[in-house]
Amino acid sequence: MQIINNTILFVKNQLTHAEGGHDWFHIERVYKNALLIAEEEECDVTVVKLGALLHDIADSKFHGGDETVGPKTARTFLESQNVSEDIILHVIAIIENISFKGGNFEKKFNSKELEIVQDADRLDALGAIGIARTFNYGGFKNRPLYNPNIQPNLNMSKEEYKNSESPTLNHFYEKLLLLKDKMNTETGKKIAQKRHDFMVTFLSQFYAEWDGQE
């Protein structure tokens, strides 16, 4: 399908210099996850593909917190490809409602396609790759790995979450370990449980090494 191929080329170009956890390879993994989940769901696969490919086209945390850049960029591109307005609106709604945002964000839109892309994106925040992405972003922001004197904040508002500068390890408790119970689809839940368990094992090992244990 030409629109999908064109979208892939566009996203690769847009994210050429993106931070390692939010680059083209992140998009590609989310795309693959979304296709895997979509096999078990009744959905518009074209919307799922476009939503997965464009969901992080301009992540607000790399644009001064401006959440309008992503939807605007996606709309401009999709219009240039003569995509129908109903599909454009659906893809934009996915972009606007996919993020975790501290876990206290109430979605203003719901669809099976959003559920699929959201699960696919959340899966990439779990497991081995989720751990790697978390520490990569922490390094990008020059945050400490861990500080036992700074406890995770589990009741952050959307703005507090967006502006948090807490140690990287706190992110496991403020987001990553919460994702398992926020998955939408059965396929997503099964994969998330395995990746969640891997992160719990990692944390146990981390604390043992931090405390100088064998």
Protein backbone atom coordinates (compact mmCIF):
# COMPACT_ATOMS: atom_id res chain seq x y z
CA MET A 1 0.00 0.00 0.00
CA GLN A 2 1.69 3.21 -1.20
CA ILE A 3 0.45 5.42 1.65
CA ILE A 4 2.11 3.13 4.21
CA ASN A 5 5.41 3.08 2.30
CA ASN A 6 5.31 6.87 1.96
CA THR A 7 4.56 7.23 5.67
CA ILE A 8 7.50 5.02 6.60
CA LEU A 9 9.86 7.13 4.47
CA PHE A 10 8.44 10.34 5.96
CA VAL A 11 8.80 9.15 9.56
CA LYS A 12 12.34 7.86 8.99
CA ASN A 13 13.31 11.25 7.60
CA GLN A 14 11.61 13.22 10.38
CA LEU A 15 13.24 11.17 13.15
CA THR A 16 16.75 11.00 11.67
CA HIS A 17 18.29 12.75 14.69
CA ALA A 18 15.81 11.68 17.36
CA GLU A 19 16.79 10.55 20.86
CA GLY A 20 17.54 6.82 20.85
CA GLY A 21 14.42 5.74 22.71
CA HIS A 22 12.08 7.69 20.44
CA ASP A 23 13.71 7.17 17.06
CA TRP A 24 12.64 5.29 13.93
CA PHE A 25 13.46 1.95 15.54
CA HIS A 26 10.99 2.70 18.36
CA ILE A 27 8.36 3.44 15.72
CA GLU A 28 9.21 0.24 13.86
CA ARG A 29 8.86 -1.86 17.02
CA VAL A 30 5.52 -0.24 17.87
CA TYR A 31 4.38 -0.83 14.29
CA LYS A 32 5.26 -4.53 14.53
CA ASN A 33 3.59 -4.82 17.94
CA ALA A 34 0.47 -3.15 16.57
CA LEU A 35 0.26 -5.53 13.62
CA LEU A 36 0.68 -8.50 15.95
CA ILE A 37 -2.16 -7.31 18.20
CA ALA A 38 -4.36 -6.35 15.24
CA GLU A 39 -4.34 -9.95 14.06
CA GLU A 40 -6.53 -10.82 17.05
CA GLU A 41 -8.84 -7.79 16.88
CA GLU A 42 -11.53 -6.48 14.56
CA CYS A 43 -10.16 -3.16 13.40
CA ASP A 44 -9.30 -0.86 10.52
CA VAL A 45 -5.75 -2.04 9.84
CA THR A 46 -4.91 1.04 7.76
CA VAL A 47 -5.74 3.32 10.69
CA VAL A 48 -3.72 1.08 13.01
CA LYS A 49 -0.71 1.21 10.69
CA LEU A 50 -0.86 4.99 10.24
CA GLY A 51 -1.49 5.57 13.94
CA ALA A 52 1.48 3.42 14.91
CA LEU A 53 3.79 5.05 12.38
CA LEU A 54 2.80 8.62 13.26
CA HIS A 55 2.11 8.35 17.00
CA ASP A 56 5.49 9.87 17.96
CA ILE A 57 6.14 12.00 14.89
CA ALA A 58 6.74 15.02 17.16
CA ASP A 59 6.75 13.93 20.81
CA SER A 60 5.88 16.94 22.96
CA LYS A 61 8.76 16.35 25.39
CA PHE A 62 11.17 17.17 22.56
CA HIS A 63 9.16 20.24 21.50
CA GLY A 64 9.02 22.27 24.69
CA GLY A 65 5.96 20.41 25.92
CA ASP A 66 3.86 21.56 22.95
CA GLU A 67 1.31 18.78 22.34
CA THR A 68 -0.01 20.35 19.14
CA VAL A 69 3.12 19.79 17.03
CA GLY A 70 2.55 16.06 16.51
CA PRO A 71 -1.07 16.30 15.35
CA LYS A 72 -0.26 19.26 13.09
CA THR A 73 2.71 17.46 11.52
CA ALA A 74 0.65 14.32 10.97
CA ARG A 75 -2.24 16.26 9.43
CA THR A 76 0.01 18.16 7.03
CA PHE A 77 1.63 14.94 5.86
CA LEU A 78 -1.61 12.96 5.51
CA GLU A 79 -3.27 15.78 3.61
CA SER A 80 -0.31 15.81 1.22
CA GLN A 81 -1.05 12.12 0.58
CA ASN A 82 -4.74 12.81 -0.11
CA VAL A 83 -5.84 10.67 2.82
CA SER A 84 -9.55 10.97 3.62
CA GLU A 85 -10.59 13.37 6.37
CA ASP A 86 -12.18 10.66 8.51
CA ILE A 87 -8.93 8.69 8.59
CA ILE A 88 -6.93 11.85 9.33
CA LEU A 89 -9.21 12.68 12.27
CA HIS A 90 -8.92 9.14 13.60
CA VAL A 91 -5.11 9.11 13.38
CA ILE A 92 -4.89 12.52 15.06
CA ALA A 93 -7.19 11.30 17.85
CA ILE A 94 -4.81 8.37 18.39
CA ILE A 95 -1.81 10.72 18.60
CA GLU A 96 -3.61 13.00 21.06
CA ASN A 97 -4.78 10.22 23.37
CA ILE A 98 -2.03 7.60 23.31
CA SER A 99 0.33 8.95 25.97
CA PHE A 100 0.55 7.87 29.61
CA LYS A 101 0.80 11.46 30.94
CA GLY A 102 1.27 10.41 34.54
CA GLY A 103 -1.51 7.84 34.47
CA ASN A 104 -4.11 10.42 35.49
CA PHE A 105 -4.99 11.49 31.97
CA GLU A 106 -8.56 10.79 30.93
CA LYS A 107 -8.87 9.86 27.28
CA LYS A 108 -11.25 12.06 25.31
CA PHE A 109 -11.54 9.51 22.51
CA ASN A 110 -11.91 5.75 22.32
CA SER A 111 -11.62 3.26 19.49
CA LYS A 112 -10.33 -0.25 18.97
CA GLU A 113 -7.56 1.19 16.79
CA LEU A 114 -6.44 3.51 19.61
CA GLU A 115 -6.46 0.59 22.04
CA ILE A 116 -4.25 -1.45 19.72
CA VAL A 117 -1.70 1.31 19.04
CA GLN A 118 -1.65 2.32 22.71
CA ASP A 119 -0.93 -1.26 23.78
CA ALA A 120 1.77 -1.55 21.11
CA ASP A 121 3.42 1.64 22.34
CA ARG A 122 3.23 0.58 25.97
CA LEU A 123 4.78 -2.78 25.21
CA ASP A 124 7.87 -0.95 23.98
CA ALA A 125 8.15 0.66 27.42
CA LEU A 126 8.29 -2.77 29.07
CA GLY A 127 10.79 -5.62 29.26
CA ALA A 128 14.43 -5.46 28.19
CA ILE A 129 13.88 -2.73 25.62
CA GLY A 130 11.76 -0.74 28.07
CA ILE A 131 14.64 -0.83 30.55
CA ALA A 132 17.15 0.20 27.89
CA ARG A 133 14.93 3.07 26.69
CA THR A 134 14.38 4.30 30.24
CA PHE A 135 18.05 4.57 31.07
CA ASN A 136 18.85 5.99 27.63
CA TYR A 137 16.37 8.82 28.19
CA GLY A 138 17.60 9.33 31.75
CA GLY A 139 21.12 9.77 30.38
CA PHE A 140 19.80 12.10 27.69
CA LYS A 141 18.30 14.25 30.49
CA ASN A 142 21.38 13.82 32.70
CA ARG A 143 19.35 12.30 35.54
CA PRO A 144 20.90 10.19 38.33
CA LEU A 145 20.40 6.44 38.02
CA TYR A 146 18.96 6.13 41.50
CA ASN A 147 18.76 8.06 44.75
CA PRO A 148 17.31 6.14 47.71
CA ASN A 149 16.50 9.46 49.39
CA ILE A 150 14.10 10.48 46.61
CA GLN A 151 10.94 8.40 46.65
CA PRO A 152 8.75 7.85 43.57
CA ASN A 153 5.74 10.15 43.29
CA LEU A 154 2.72 8.00 42.47
CA ASN A 155 0.19 10.82 42.46
CA MET A 156 1.60 13.25 39.92
CA SER A 157 -0.60 15.48 37.85
CA LYS A 158 -0.08 15.57 34.10
CA GLU A 159 2.08 18.70 34.45
CA GLU A 160 4.12 17.28 37.33
CA TYR A 161 4.76 14.12 35.34
CA LYS A 162 5.79 16.11 32.28
CA ASN A 163 8.25 18.24 34.28
CA SER A 164 9.60 15.55 36.61
CA GLU A 165 13.38 15.37 37.06
CA SER A 166 13.42 12.43 39.46
CA PRO A 167 16.04 9.65 39.23
CA THR A 168 15.64 7.21 36.38
CA LEU A 169 14.79 4.25 38.61
CA ASN A 170 11.76 6.12 39.97
CA HIS A 171 10.25 5.96 36.48
CA PHE A 172 9.75 2.23 36.93
CA TYR A 173 7.31 2.91 39.77
CA GLU A 174 5.81 6.09 38.35
CA LYS A 175 4.98 4.49 34.99
CA LEU A 176 6.53 1.23 33.79
CA LEU A 177 5.29 -1.13 36.51
CA LEU A 178 1.80 0.36 36.20
CA LEU A 179 1.40 -0.41 32.50
CA LYS A 180 0.61 -4.10 32.87
CA ASP A 181 -2.76 -3.29 34.43
CA LYS A 182 -3.56 -0.59 31.87
CA MET A 183 -3.40 -2.73 28.75
CA ASN A 184 -6.50 -2.79 26.57
CA THR A 185 -6.30 -6.01 24.54
CA GLU A 186 -5.87 -9.65 25.53
CA THR A 187 -2.77 -10.03 23.35
CA GLY A 188 -1.30 -6.89 24.88
CA LYS A 189 -1.99 -8.13 28.40
CA LYS A 190 -0.27 -11.48 27.79
CA ILE A 191 2.89 -9.92 26.37
CA ALA A 192 2.92 -7.18 29.01
CA GLN A 193 2.85 -9.70 31.86
CA LYS A 194 6.01 -11.41 30.58
CA ARG A 195 7.83 -8.12 30.14
CA HIS A 196 6.62 -6.86 33.52
CA ASP A 197 8.01 -9.94 35.25
CA PHE A 198 11.38 -9.39 33.55
CA MET A 199 11.53 -5.82 34.91
CA VAL A 200 10.71 -6.99 38.44
CA THR A 201 13.64 -9.43 38.23
CA PHE A 202 15.88 -6.64 36.94
CA LEU A 203 14.95 -4.37 39.85
CA SER A 204 15.73 -7.09 42.38
CA GLN A 205 19.16 -7.53 40.82
CA PHE A 206 19.71 -3.75 40.69
CA TYR A 207 19.02 -3.28 44.40
CA ALA A 208 21.20 -6.25 45.32
CA GLU A 209 24.13 -4.81 43.39
CA TRP A 210 23.46 -1.32 44.77
CA ASP A 211 23.67 -2.68 48.32
CA GLY A 212 26.87 -4.60 47.60
CA GLN A 213 25.31 -8.03 47.80
CA GLU A 214 26.41 -11.03 45.76
